[in-house]
Amino acid sequence: MPRVKVPRKSTAIDMTAMCDVAFLLLTFFILTATARQAEPLPVDTPSSTTKAKQPQTNIATITIGEGKVFFSVTENDVRRSMLEKMSERYGYPFTEEEKKRFSLIESFGVPAGNLKQVINMNNEDRLKPGLQRGIPIDSVNNQASELHYWILNARYAAKELNNASLRFSIKGDAKEEYPTIKKIIAILQKQEVNKFSFITALEGTD
């Protein structure tokens, strides 16, 4: 008896629906992603085998490199509040627009007297190498340094607004001289901030 030949049919699959889903997911991730701002003071952090991840909220970072010190806080409202407190401390007035612009600046490194000028620059000019010469870390006339008061007012702002204790990280260049880092640690310890972390790059393993 002859074998019945089954006619072959095309195995093509309609991928239209899958392509639509892929583009929808891609669009979602693009629209919800937060662009990372360029750092005004890029540093080459020392390597480490520690894999502990840095928290994303209520964190203040002190960046040290090229003999300069920069300061940043994660929350916009905390930045605005600490600027207002520094304005009261040093008598430098800031407009509402300047306060709003400052709240969007992730990291800065200038003396308080030059801050208004930096705030009113566009982002590209603000990041020019050598423009920001660092926050003063030395005491003057028996008065604590400007960095001391930035740290203090950031802590007050975080407690008042978020009822949270601000955590601190030190991000230092691998080639940075130890005396500068030692001064930063002394400023933190003077405020009884004895728990802080160092930001490092993950060391490659064999």
C-alpha atoms as a PDB file:
ATOM      1  CA  MET A   1       0.000   0.000   0.000  1.00  0.00           C
ATOM      2  CA  PRO A   2       1.538   3.340  -1.000  1.00  0.00           C
ATOM      3  CA  ARG A   3       2.581   5.753   1.823  1.00  0.00           C
ATOM      4  CA  VAL A   4       0.495   8.894   2.053  1.00  0.00           C
ATOM      5  CA  LYS A   5       2.625  11.983   1.677  1.00  0.00           C
ATOM      6  CA  VAL A   6       1.730  14.720   4.141  1.00  0.00           C
ATOM      7  CA  PRO A   7       2.049  18.130   2.507  1.00  0.00           C
ATOM      8  CA  ARG A   8       4.707  20.324   4.148  1.00  0.00           C
ATOM      9  CA  LYS A   9       3.580  23.575   5.667  1.00  0.00           C
ATOM     10  CA  SER A  10       5.536  26.717   6.393  1.00  0.00           C
ATOM     11  CA  THR A  11       6.927  27.003   9.945  1.00  0.00           C
ATOM     12  CA  ALA A  12       7.102  30.810   9.868  1.00  0.00           C
ATOM     13  CA  ILE A  13       6.136  32.497  13.146  1.00  0.00           C
ATOM     14  CA  ASP A  14       4.607  35.937  13.320  1.00  0.00           C
ATOM     15  CA  MET A  15       6.976  38.007  15.509  1.00  0.00           C
ATOM     16  CA  THR A  16       4.996  41.243  15.356  1.00  0.00           C
ATOM     17  CA  ALA A  17       3.588  40.946  18.864  1.00  0.00           C
ATOM     18  CA  MET A  18       6.996  40.155  20.396  1.00  0.00           C
ATOM     19  CA  CYS A  19       8.617  43.112  18.628  1.00  0.00           C
ATOM     20  CA  ASP A  20       5.897  45.390  19.977  1.00  0.00           C
ATOM     21  CA  VAL A  21       6.546  44.187  23.526  1.00  0.00           C
ATOM     22  CA  ALA A  22      10.315  44.610  23.138  1.00  0.00           C
ATOM     23  CA  PHE A  23       9.955  48.204  21.914  1.00  0.00           C
ATOM     24  CA  LEU A  24       7.497  48.999  24.722  1.00  0.00           C
ATOM     25  CA  LEU A  25       9.976  47.723  27.318  1.00  0.00           C
ATOM     26  CA  LEU A  26      12.838  49.632  25.691  1.00  0.00           C
ATOM     27  CA  THR A  27      10.791  52.844  25.681  1.00  0.00           C
ATOM     28  CA  PHE A  28       9.857  52.338  29.333  1.00  0.00           C
ATOM     29  CA  PHE A  29      13.475  51.917  30.459  1.00  0.00           C
ATOM     30  CA  ILE A  30      14.635  54.935  28.441  1.00  0.00           C
ATOM     31  CA  LEU A  31      11.933  57.208  29.865  1.00  0.00           C
ATOM     32  CA  THR A  32      12.365  56.081  33.471  1.00  0.00           C
ATOM     33  CA  ALA A  33      16.173  56.038  33.542  1.00  0.00           C
ATOM     34  CA  THR A  34      17.978  58.861  35.343  1.00  0.00           C
ATOM     35  CA  ALA A  35      20.900  60.364  33.499  1.00  0.00           C
ATOM     36  CA  ARG A  36      24.069  60.412  35.560  1.00  0.00           C
ATOM     37  CA  GLN A  37      25.714  63.813  35.761  1.00  0.00           C
ATOM     38  CA  ALA A  38      29.358  64.159  34.874  1.00  0.00           C
ATOM     39  CA  GLU A  39      31.634  64.540  37.895  1.00  0.00           C
ATOM     40  CA  PRO A  40      33.452  67.885  38.230  1.00  0.00           C
ATOM     41  CA  LEU A  41      36.344  66.084  39.934  1.00  0.00           C
ATOM     42  CA  PRO A  42      36.922  62.611  38.434  1.00  0.00           C
ATOM     43  CA  VAL A  43      39.157  60.489  40.657  1.00  0.00           C
ATOM     44  CA  ASP A  44      40.930  57.156  40.278  1.00  0.00           C
ATOM     45  CA  THR A  45      39.721  55.263  43.341  1.00  0.00           C
ATOM     46  CA  PRO A  46      41.941  52.574  44.907  1.00  0.00           C
ATOM     47  CA  SER A  47      41.084  48.949  44.192  1.00  0.00           C
ATOM     48  CA  SER A  48      39.465  46.604  46.690  1.00  0.00           C
ATOM     49  CA  THR A  49      37.990  43.098  46.795  1.00  0.00           C
ATOM     50  CA  THR A  50      35.031  44.257  48.925  1.00  0.00           C
ATOM     51  CA  LYS A  51      31.684  43.923  47.154  1.00  0.00           C
ATOM     52  CA  ALA A  52      29.502  45.898  49.586  1.00  0.00           C
ATOM     53  CA  LYS A  53      27.136  48.152  47.664  1.00  0.00           C
ATOM     54  CA  GLN A  54      26.766  51.809  48.598  1.00  0.00           C
ATOM     55  CA  PRO A  55      23.230  52.876  49.658  1.00  0.00           C
ATOM     56  CA  GLN A  56      21.377  55.182  47.270  1.00  0.00           C
ATOM     57  CA  THR A  57      19.621  57.457  49.783  1.00  0.00           C
ATOM     58  CA  ASN A  58      20.653  59.707  52.675  1.00  0.00           C
ATOM     59  CA  ILE A  59      24.281  59.593  51.603  1.00  0.00           C
ATOM     60  CA  ALA A  60      26.809  62.427  51.582  1.00  0.00           C
ATOM     61  CA  THR A  61      30.026  61.922  49.620  1.00  0.00           C
ATOM     62  CA  ILE A  62      33.283  63.781  50.204  1.00  0.00           C
ATOM     63  CA  THR A  63      35.470  63.553  47.102  1.00  0.00           C
ATOM     64  CA  ILE A  64      39.192  64.232  47.387  1.00  0.00           C
ATOM     65  CA  GLY A  65      41.597  64.639  44.478  1.00  0.00           C
ATOM     66  CA  GLU A  66      44.279  66.989  43.149  1.00  0.00           C
ATOM     67  CA  GLY A  67      44.403  68.624  46.595  1.00  0.00           C
ATOM     68  CA  LYS A  68      40.734  69.659  46.263  1.00  0.00           C
ATOM     69  CA  VAL A  69      37.669  68.643  48.241  1.00  0.00           C
ATOM     70  CA  PHE A  70      34.164  68.350  46.777  1.00  0.00           C
ATOM     71  CA  PHE A  71      30.903  67.635  48.602  1.00  0.00           C
ATOM     72  CA  SER A  72      27.648  66.045  47.468  1.00  0.00           C
ATOM     73  CA  VAL A  73      24.343  64.923  48.975  1.00  0.00           C
ATOM     74  CA  THR A  74      21.853  62.590  47.283  1.00  0.00           C
ATOM     75  CA  GLU A  75      18.533  64.321  48.119  1.00  0.00           C
ATOM     76  CA  ASN A  76      17.555  67.557  46.357  1.00  0.00           C
ATOM     77  CA  ASP A  77      15.543  68.925  49.281  1.00  0.00           C
ATOM     78  CA  VAL A  78      18.475  68.351  51.649  1.00  0.00           C
ATOM     79  CA  ARG A  79      20.787  70.267  49.288  1.00  0.00           C
ATOM     80  CA  ARG A  80      18.412  73.217  49.224  1.00  0.00           C
ATOM     81  CA  SER A  81      17.993  73.249  53.000  1.00  0.00           C
ATOM     82  CA  MET A  82      21.736  73.059  53.722  1.00  0.00           C
ATOM     83  CA  LEU A  83      22.305  75.947  51.278  1.00  0.00           C
ATOM     84  CA  GLU A  84      19.784  78.049  53.200  1.00  0.00           C
ATOM     85  CA  LYS A  85      21.537  77.225  56.453  1.00  0.00           C
ATOM     86  CA  MET A  86      24.943  78.128  54.978  1.00  0.00           C
ATOM     87  CA  SER A  87      23.442  81.377  53.696  1.00  0.00           C
ATOM     88  CA  GLU A  88      22.378  82.256  57.236  1.00  0.00           C
ATOM     89  CA  ARG A  89      25.774  81.250  58.593  1.00  0.00           C
ATOM     90  CA  TYR A  90      27.926  83.303  56.204  1.00  0.00           C
ATOM     91  CA  GLY A  91      25.468  86.013  55.155  1.00  0.00           C
ATOM     92  CA  TYR A  92      25.519  85.195  51.423  1.00  0.00           C
ATOM     93  CA  PRO A  93      21.987  85.704  50.014  1.00  0.00           C
ATOM     94  CA  PHE A  94      20.573  83.348  47.381  1.00  0.00           C
ATOM     95  CA  THR A  95      17.436  83.837  45.296  1.00  0.00           C
ATOM     96  CA  GLU A  96      14.720  81.189  44.998  1.00  0.00           C
ATOM     97  CA  GLU A  97      15.922  80.403  41.484  1.00  0.00           C
ATOM     98  CA  GLU A  98      19.496  79.953  42.718  1.00  0.00           C
ATOM     99  CA  LYS A  99      18.316  77.630  45.492  1.00  0.00           C
ATOM    100  CA  LYS A 100      16.409  75.568  42.949  1.00  0.00           C
ATOM    101  CA  ARG A 101      19.427  75.365  40.626  1.00  0.00           C
ATOM    102  CA  PHE A 102      21.698  74.377  43.518  1.00  0.00           C
ATOM    103  CA  SER A 103      19.343  71.563  44.527  1.00  0.00           C
ATOM    104  CA  LEU A 104      19.990  69.992  41.100  1.00  0.00           C
ATOM    105  CA  ILE A 105      23.792  70.133  41.388  1.00  0.00           C
ATOM    106  CA  GLU A 106      25.056  66.760  42.566  1.00  0.00           C
ATOM    107  CA  SER A 107      28.576  67.804  43.555  1.00  0.00           C
ATOM    108  CA  PHE A 108      30.364  71.104  44.111  1.00  0.00           C
ATOM    109  CA  GLY A 109      33.751  72.294  45.309  1.00  0.00           C
ATOM    110  CA  VAL A 110      34.097  76.044  45.780  1.00  0.00           C
ATOM    111  CA  PRO A 111      34.330  78.429  48.747  1.00  0.00           C
ATOM    112  CA  ALA A 112      30.918  79.706  49.878  1.00  0.00           C
ATOM    113  CA  GLY A 113      31.746  83.201  48.609  1.00  0.00           C
ATOM    114  CA  ASN A 114      32.113  81.889  45.031  1.00  0.00           C
ATOM    115  CA  LEU A 115      29.133  79.557  45.090  1.00  0.00           C
ATOM    116  CA  LYS A 116      26.640  82.036  43.590  1.00  0.00           C
ATOM    117  CA  GLN A 117      28.800  82.423  40.489  1.00  0.00           C
ATOM    118  CA  VAL A 118      29.041  78.653  39.995  1.00  0.00           C
ATOM    119  CA  ILE A 119      25.307  78.135  40.520  1.00  0.00           C
ATOM    120  CA  ASN A 120      24.456  80.618  37.759  1.00  0.00           C
ATOM    121  CA  MET A 121      26.698  78.906  35.201  1.00  0.00           C
ATOM    122  CA  ASN A 122      25.398  76.332  32.769  1.00  0.00           C
ATOM    123  CA  ASN A 123      26.379  72.730  33.432  1.00  0.00           C
ATOM    124  CA  GLU A 124      29.053  72.619  30.722  1.00  0.00           C
ATOM    125  CA  ASP A 125      30.894  75.684  32.057  1.00  0.00           C
ATOM    126  CA  ARG A 126      30.547  74.487  35.634  1.00  0.00           C
ATOM    127  CA  LEU A 127      32.434  71.283  34.815  1.00  0.00           C
ATOM    128  CA  LYS A 128      35.429  72.943  33.184  1.00  0.00           C
ATOM    129  CA  PRO A 129      38.691  71.628  34.684  1.00  0.00           C
ATOM    130  CA  GLY A 130      40.226  73.952  37.262  1.00  0.00           C
ATOM    131  CA  LEU A 131      37.152  76.177  37.665  1.00  0.00           C
ATOM    132  CA  GLN A 132      36.138  74.806  41.064  1.00  0.00           C
ATOM    133  CA  ARG A 133      39.131  74.975  43.412  1.00  0.00           C
ATOM    134  CA  GLY A 134      37.719  72.992  46.290  1.00  0.00           C
ATOM    135  CA  ILE A 135      35.925  73.634  49.580  1.00  0.00           C
ATOM    136  CA  PRO A 136      38.228  75.074  52.281  1.00  0.00           C
ATOM    137  CA  ILE A 137      39.066  72.459  54.918  1.00  0.00           C
ATOM    138  CA  ASP A 138      41.307  74.531  57.203  1.00  0.00           C
ATOM    139  CA  SER A 139      40.047  76.553  60.157  1.00  0.00           C
ATOM    140  CA  VAL A 140      40.439  80.344  60.052  1.00  0.00           C
ATOM    141  CA  ASN A 141      40.727  82.606  63.129  1.00  0.00           C
ATOM    142  CA  ASN A 142      39.761  79.775  65.462  1.00  0.00           C
ATOM    143  CA  GLN A 143      36.602  79.195  63.401  1.00  0.00           C
ATOM    144  CA  ALA A 144      35.809  75.763  62.014  1.00  0.00           C
ATOM    145  CA  SER A 145      36.345  75.209  58.282  1.00  0.00           C
ATOM    146  CA  GLU A 146      33.674  75.669  55.628  1.00  0.00           C
ATOM    147  CA  LEU A 147      33.579  71.916  55.035  1.00  0.00           C
ATOM    148  CA  HIS A 148      32.806  71.442  58.730  1.00  0.00           C
ATOM    149  CA  TYR A 149      29.693  73.614  58.384  1.00  0.00           C
ATOM    150  CA  TRP A 150      28.611  72.009  55.093  1.00  0.00           C
ATOM    151  CA  ILE A 151      28.701  68.625  56.814  1.00  0.00           C
ATOM    152  CA  LEU A 152      26.981  69.933  59.940  1.00  0.00           C
ATOM    153  CA  ASN A 153      24.173  71.672  58.035  1.00  0.00           C
ATOM    154  CA  ALA A 154      23.668  68.688  55.735  1.00  0.00           C
ATOM    155  CA  ARG A 155      23.172  66.509  58.820  1.00  0.00           C
ATOM    156  CA  TYR A 156      20.686  68.984  60.307  1.00  0.00           C
ATOM    157  CA  ALA A 157      18.781  69.183  56.998  1.00  0.00           C
ATOM    158  CA  ALA A 158      18.546  65.396  56.610  1.00  0.00           C
ATOM    159  CA  LYS A 159      17.255  65.030  60.166  1.00  0.00           C
ATOM    160  CA  GLU A 160      14.701  67.825  59.832  1.00  0.00           C
ATOM    161  CA  LEU A 161      13.360  66.838  56.417  1.00  0.00           C
ATOM    162  CA  ASN A 162      13.664  63.047  56.372  1.00  0.00           C
ATOM    163  CA  ASN A 163      14.182  62.202  60.045  1.00  0.00           C
ATOM    164  CA  ALA A 164      17.268  60.301  58.913  1.00  0.00           C
ATOM    165  CA  SER A 165      20.875  60.225  60.013  1.00  0.00           C
ATOM    166  CA  LEU A 166      23.065  61.172  57.076  1.00  0.00           C
ATOM    167  CA  ARG A 167      25.702  58.571  56.216  1.00  0.00           C
ATOM    168  CA  PHE A 168      29.094  59.587  54.847  1.00  0.00           C
ATOM    169  CA  SER A 169      31.407  58.156  52.226  1.00  0.00           C
ATOM    170  CA  ILE A 170      34.911  59.306  51.342  1.00  0.00           C
ATOM    171  CA  LYS A 171      35.933  59.005  47.704  1.00  0.00           C
ATOM    172  CA  GLY A 172      39.646  59.618  47.420  1.00  0.00           C
ATOM    173  CA  ASP A 173      42.064  59.395  44.532  1.00  0.00           C
ATOM    174  CA  ALA A 174      44.433  56.450  44.822  1.00  0.00           C
ATOM    175  CA  LYS A 175      47.392  58.838  44.545  1.00  0.00           C
ATOM    176  CA  GLU A 176      46.024  61.421  46.991  1.00  0.00           C
ATOM    177  CA  GLU A 177      48.299  62.363  49.849  1.00  0.00           C
ATOM    178  CA  TYR A 178      47.281  60.968  53.206  1.00  0.00           C
ATOM    179  CA  PRO A 179      47.362  64.311  55.144  1.00  0.00           C
ATOM    180  CA  THR A 180      44.323  65.612  53.199  1.00  0.00           C
ATOM    181  CA  ILE A 181      42.311  62.483  53.922  1.00  0.00           C
ATOM    182  CA  LYS A 182      43.430  62.658  57.559  1.00  0.00           C
ATOM    183  CA  LYS A 183      42.005  66.204  57.816  1.00  0.00           C
ATOM    184  CA  ILE A 184      38.663  65.043  56.403  1.00  0.00           C
ATOM    185  CA  ILE A 185      38.466  62.221  58.928  1.00  0.00           C
ATOM    186  CA  ALA A 186      39.318  64.674  61.741  1.00  0.00           C
ATOM    187  CA  ILE A 187      36.472  66.993  60.636  1.00  0.00           C
ATOM    188  CA  LEU A 188      34.020  64.090  60.708  1.00  0.00           C
ATOM    189  CA  GLN A 189      35.229  62.832  64.077  1.00  0.00           C
ATOM    190  CA  LYS A 190      34.969  66.313  65.560  1.00  0.00           C
ATOM    191  CA  GLN A 191      31.231  66.031  64.933  1.00  0.00           C
ATOM    192  CA  GLU A 192      31.270  62.518  66.410  1.00  0.00           C
ATOM    193  CA  VAL A 193      30.795  60.941  62.997  1.00  0.00           C
ATOM    194  CA  ASN A 194      32.971  57.890  63.545  1.00  0.00           C
ATOM    195  CA  LYS A 195      31.268  55.576  61.063  1.00  0.00           C
ATOM    196  CA  PHE A 196      31.913  56.232  57.378  1.00  0.00           C
ATOM    197  CA  SER A 197      32.909  54.262  54.317  1.00  0.00           C
ATOM    198  CA  PHE A 198      35.548  54.536  51.612  1.00  0.00           C
ATOM    199  CA  ILE A 199      34.504  54.200  47.976  1.00  0.00           C
ATOM    200  CA  THR A 200      36.776  51.860  46.041  1.00  0.00           C
ATOM    201  CA  ALA A 201      36.901  50.169  42.649  1.00  0.00           C
ATOM    202  CA  LEU A 202      36.370  46.417  42.519  1.00  0.00           C
ATOM    203  CA  GLU A 203      39.685  44.631  42.070  1.00  0.00           C
ATOM    204  CA  GLY A 204      39.842  41.989  39.357  1.00  0.00           C
ATOM    205  CA  THR A 205      40.315  38.418  40.553  1.00  0.00           C
ATOM    206  CA  ASP A 206      41.900  35.444  38.810  1.00  0.00           C
END
